[in-house]
């Protein structure tokens, strides 16, 4: 049985919830988010270990959400819809590697703290894993540009204002909540990419046409 576009988007929404729970367990600190690496010095290892498995098993579900978007926009532009799928899959392939490294990074850094090895492990983590965050951000920007182009060109009745709610803009809004609503931002900024995609996939799901082939 072939999944409908709505069902594929629901799987993407499920991914944002499962990975969001995992990343919250990995990253949340009652004192507020620290630096992207320095936070690993303080996160409880038992909680982070549980979060690790949520992330590992949930991240591949994001692919279904992007496959749903590709199918939705295929009639608008086969080329751009394929680019959206490729950029989305690359984003969460790289993002999955990065976030699944967080538990082991936390354990190594915490257990080597105060030893001569700490600086070596810190530099190694920065060079091999933290650098992936920048690749992820570039790919999310590409996803956003392609999505905006598809929304503006779409021939399936989606409102053009949905272009405003692209992943990079949503990501900026979520992270900036640390400034304009810290009580909320302290909880959602550590899982910003998942909150972003919960909204992103959710809006697309709500505005799909109700016909059966969607």
Protein backbone atom coordinates (compact mmCIF):
# COMPACT_ATOMS: atom_id res chain seq x y z
CA UNK A 1 0.00 0.00 0.00
CA UNK A 2 1.38 3.38 -1.04
CA UNK A 3 1.39 6.08 1.62
CA UNK A 4 -0.43 9.31 0.84
CA UNK A 5 1.33 12.67 1.01
CA UNK A 6 -0.53 13.48 4.23
CA UNK A 7 0.64 10.23 5.80
CA UNK A 8 4.23 10.93 4.76
CA UNK A 9 4.03 14.39 6.32
CA UNK A 10 2.62 12.87 9.51
CA UNK A 11 5.66 10.60 9.67
CA UNK A 12 7.82 13.72 9.32
CA UNK A 13 5.89 15.34 12.17
CA UNK A 14 6.41 12.17 14.23
CA UNK A 15 10.14 12.46 13.51
CA UNK A 16 10.19 16.01 14.85
CA UNK A 17 8.55 14.80 18.07
CA UNK A 18 10.71 11.70 18.61
CA UNK A 19 13.99 13.42 17.73
CA UNK A 20 12.87 16.51 19.65
CA UNK A 21 12.38 14.42 22.81
CA UNK A 22 15.79 12.84 22.28
CA UNK A 23 17.56 16.11 21.68
CA UNK A 24 15.81 17.68 24.68
CA UNK A 25 17.18 14.89 26.87
CA UNK A 26 20.61 15.43 25.33
CA UNK A 27 20.72 19.23 25.49
CA UNK A 28 18.35 20.77 28.02
CA UNK A 29 19.93 22.49 31.02
CA UNK A 30 17.83 24.18 33.73
CA UNK A 31 20.21 27.14 33.67
CA UNK A 32 19.55 27.69 29.98
CA UNK A 33 21.44 26.52 26.88
CA UNK A 34 25.18 27.00 26.98
CA UNK A 35 27.57 26.85 24.06
CA UNK A 36 27.08 24.08 21.54
CA UNK A 37 30.01 22.17 23.00
CA UNK A 38 30.27 23.59 26.53
CA UNK A 39 26.75 22.33 27.29
CA UNK A 40 28.11 18.80 26.99
CA UNK A 41 30.18 19.39 30.12
CA UNK A 42 27.03 19.68 32.24
CA UNK A 43 24.34 17.44 30.74
CA UNK A 44 23.55 14.38 32.93
CA UNK A 45 25.01 11.34 31.17
CA UNK A 46 22.19 8.95 32.08
CA UNK A 47 19.59 11.29 30.59
CA UNK A 48 21.75 11.96 27.54
CA UNK A 49 22.16 8.22 26.95
CA UNK A 50 18.39 7.79 26.73
CA UNK A 51 18.12 10.79 24.41
CA UNK A 52 20.75 9.31 22.13
CA UNK A 53 18.54 6.34 21.25
CA UNK A 54 15.48 8.50 20.60
CA UNK A 55 17.55 10.51 18.11
CA UNK A 56 19.13 7.51 16.37
CA UNK A 57 15.82 5.75 15.75
CA UNK A 58 13.79 8.88 15.03
CA UNK A 59 16.03 10.78 12.61
CA UNK A 60 15.44 8.53 9.54
CA UNK A 61 11.70 9.25 9.78
CA UNK A 62 12.44 12.78 8.57
CA UNK A 63 13.15 11.32 5.12
CA UNK A 64 9.49 10.38 4.77
CA UNK A 65 8.41 13.97 5.41
CA UNK A 66 10.69 15.28 2.70
CA UNK A 67 9.59 12.55 0.31
CA UNK A 68 6.03 13.71 0.90
CA UNK A 69 7.02 17.28 0.02
CA UNK A 70 8.73 16.05 -3.13
CA UNK A 71 5.54 14.30 -4.23
CA UNK A 72 3.38 17.32 -3.38
CA UNK A 73 5.49 19.71 -5.45
CA UNK A 74 6.41 17.35 -8.29
CA UNK A 75 3.74 18.72 -10.64
CA UNK A 76 4.97 22.26 -9.96
CA UNK A 77 8.60 21.49 -10.80
CA UNK A 78 10.07 17.99 -11.05
CA UNK A 79 13.61 19.41 -10.82
CA UNK A 80 13.03 21.66 -7.79
CA UNK A 81 11.00 19.02 -5.97
CA UNK A 82 13.85 16.52 -6.39
CA UNK A 83 16.35 19.12 -5.17
CA UNK A 84 14.16 19.69 -2.11
CA UNK A 85 14.17 15.95 -1.36
CA UNK A 86 17.94 15.63 -1.85
CA UNK A 87 18.74 18.65 0.32
CA UNK A 88 16.32 17.44 3.01
CA UNK A 89 17.81 13.94 3.09
CA UNK A 90 21.35 15.31 3.21
CA UNK A 91 20.35 17.71 5.99
CA UNK A 92 19.08 14.98 8.27
CA UNK A 93 21.77 12.47 7.30
CA UNK A 94 24.41 14.97 8.43
CA UNK A 95 22.27 16.29 11.28
CA UNK A 96 21.64 12.75 12.50
CA UNK A 97 25.38 12.03 12.63
CA UNK A 98 26.00 15.25 14.55
CA UNK A 99 23.26 14.88 17.14
CA UNK A 100 23.97 11.18 17.66
CA UNK A 101 27.56 12.14 18.50
CA UNK A 102 26.42 14.28 21.40
CA UNK A 103 26.15 11.55 24.04
CA UNK A 104 29.61 10.11 23.35
CA UNK A 105 31.04 13.63 23.16
CA UNK A 106 29.51 14.43 26.55
CA UNK A 107 30.87 11.27 28.13
CA UNK A 108 34.39 11.70 26.76
CA UNK A 109 34.60 15.38 27.67
CA UNK A 110 33.17 14.92 31.16
CA UNK A 111 35.37 11.94 31.98
CA UNK A 112 38.51 13.63 30.64
CA UNK A 113 37.84 16.97 32.38
CA UNK A 114 40.87 18.12 34.35
CA UNK A 115 43.19 15.68 32.57
CA UNK A 116 45.90 16.33 30.01
CA UNK A 117 43.70 14.66 27.37
CA UNK A 118 40.77 17.09 27.63
CA UNK A 119 42.05 19.64 25.11
CA UNK A 120 42.88 16.88 22.62
CA UNK A 121 39.37 15.39 22.81
CA UNK A 122 37.76 18.82 22.64
CA UNK A 123 39.69 19.77 19.50
CA UNK A 124 39.00 16.38 17.90
CA UNK A 125 35.28 16.75 18.57
CA UNK A 126 35.23 20.27 17.10
CA UNK A 127 37.09 19.18 13.95
CA UNK A 128 35.12 16.01 13.26
CA UNK A 129 31.60 16.67 14.55
CA UNK A 130 30.93 20.29 15.44
CA UNK A 131 31.92 21.34 11.93
CA UNK A 132 28.93 19.34 10.66
CA UNK A 133 26.59 21.95 12.16
CA UNK A 134 27.71 24.46 9.53
CA UNK A 135 27.09 21.99 6.72
CA UNK A 136 23.63 21.39 8.19
CA UNK A 137 22.87 25.12 8.28
CA UNK A 138 23.92 25.55 4.65
CA UNK A 139 21.70 22.65 3.60
CA UNK A 140 18.73 24.02 5.55
CA UNK A 141 19.24 27.35 3.78
CA UNK A 142 19.16 25.49 0.44
CA UNK A 143 15.98 23.67 1.49
CA UNK A 144 14.43 27.02 2.38
CA UNK A 145 15.34 28.68 -0.93
CA UNK A 146 14.00 25.76 -2.98
CA UNK A 147 10.84 25.59 -0.86
CA UNK A 148 10.16 29.31 -1.34
CA UNK A 149 10.57 28.93 -5.10
CA UNK A 150 8.16 25.99 -5.13
CA UNK A 151 5.55 27.78 -3.02
CA UNK A 152 5.67 30.87 -5.23
CA UNK A 153 5.32 28.72 -8.38
CA UNK A 154 2.92 26.14 -6.97
CA UNK A 155 -0.07 25.05 -9.03
CA UNK A 156 -1.84 23.08 -6.31
CA UNK A 157 -3.60 25.91 -4.50
CA UNK A 158 -1.20 26.49 -1.61
CA UNK A 159 -1.22 30.13 -0.39
CA UNK A 160 1.88 32.10 -1.36
CA UNK A 161 2.31 33.45 2.19
CA UNK A 162 3.42 29.96 3.25
CA UNK A 163 6.78 30.92 1.73
CA UNK A 164 7.43 33.03 4.84
CA UNK A 165 7.31 29.89 6.98
CA UNK A 166 10.39 28.27 5.49
CA UNK A 167 12.83 26.34 7.71
CA UNK A 168 15.56 28.98 7.95
CA UNK A 169 13.14 31.73 9.01
CA UNK A 170 11.43 29.40 11.48
CA UNK A 171 14.81 28.36 12.86
CA UNK A 172 15.81 31.99 13.42
CA UNK A 173 12.51 32.69 15.19
CA UNK A 174 12.88 29.64 17.46
CA UNK A 175 16.46 30.44 18.45
CA UNK A 176 15.71 34.14 18.91
CA UNK A 177 13.03 33.20 21.47
CA UNK A 178 15.93 33.10 23.92
CA UNK A 179 15.85 36.92 23.68
CA UNK A 180 12.14 37.75 23.42
CA UNK A 181 10.68 34.93 25.57
CA UNK A 182 13.49 33.25 27.56
CA UNK A 183 11.12 31.09 29.63
CA UNK A 184 10.04 29.40 26.39
CA UNK A 185 13.33 29.75 24.56
CA UNK A 186 15.24 27.82 27.21
CA UNK A 187 13.12 24.79 26.31
CA UNK A 188 12.73 25.08 22.52
CA UNK A 189 16.10 26.55 21.45
CA UNK A 190 18.01 23.36 22.39
CA UNK A 191 15.71 21.43 20.00
CA UNK A 192 15.31 24.23 17.45
CA UNK A 193 15.57 22.14 14.28
CA UNK A 194 12.83 19.80 15.49
CA UNK A 195 10.48 22.61 16.54
CA UNK A 196 11.13 24.19 13.14
CA UNK A 197 10.15 21.04 11.26
CA UNK A 198 7.14 20.35 13.48
CA UNK A 199 5.78 23.73 12.32
CA UNK A 200 7.06 23.34 8.74
CA UNK A 201 5.54 19.91 8.11
CA UNK A 202 2.48 20.77 10.20
CA UNK A 203 1.57 23.81 8.11
CA UNK A 204 2.01 21.87 4.89
CA UNK A 205 -0.19 19.11 6.28
CA UNK A 206 -2.94 21.58 7.25
CA UNK A 207 -2.98 23.28 3.85
CA UNK A 208 -2.96 20.22 1.63
CA UNK A 209 -6.00 19.82 -0.57
CA UNK A 210 -8.44 17.32 0.80
CA UNK A 211 -8.54 15.21 -2.37
CA UNK A 212 -7.57 11.55 -1.95
CA UNK A 213 -4.38 11.71 -4.02
CA UNK A 214 -2.86 14.19 -1.60
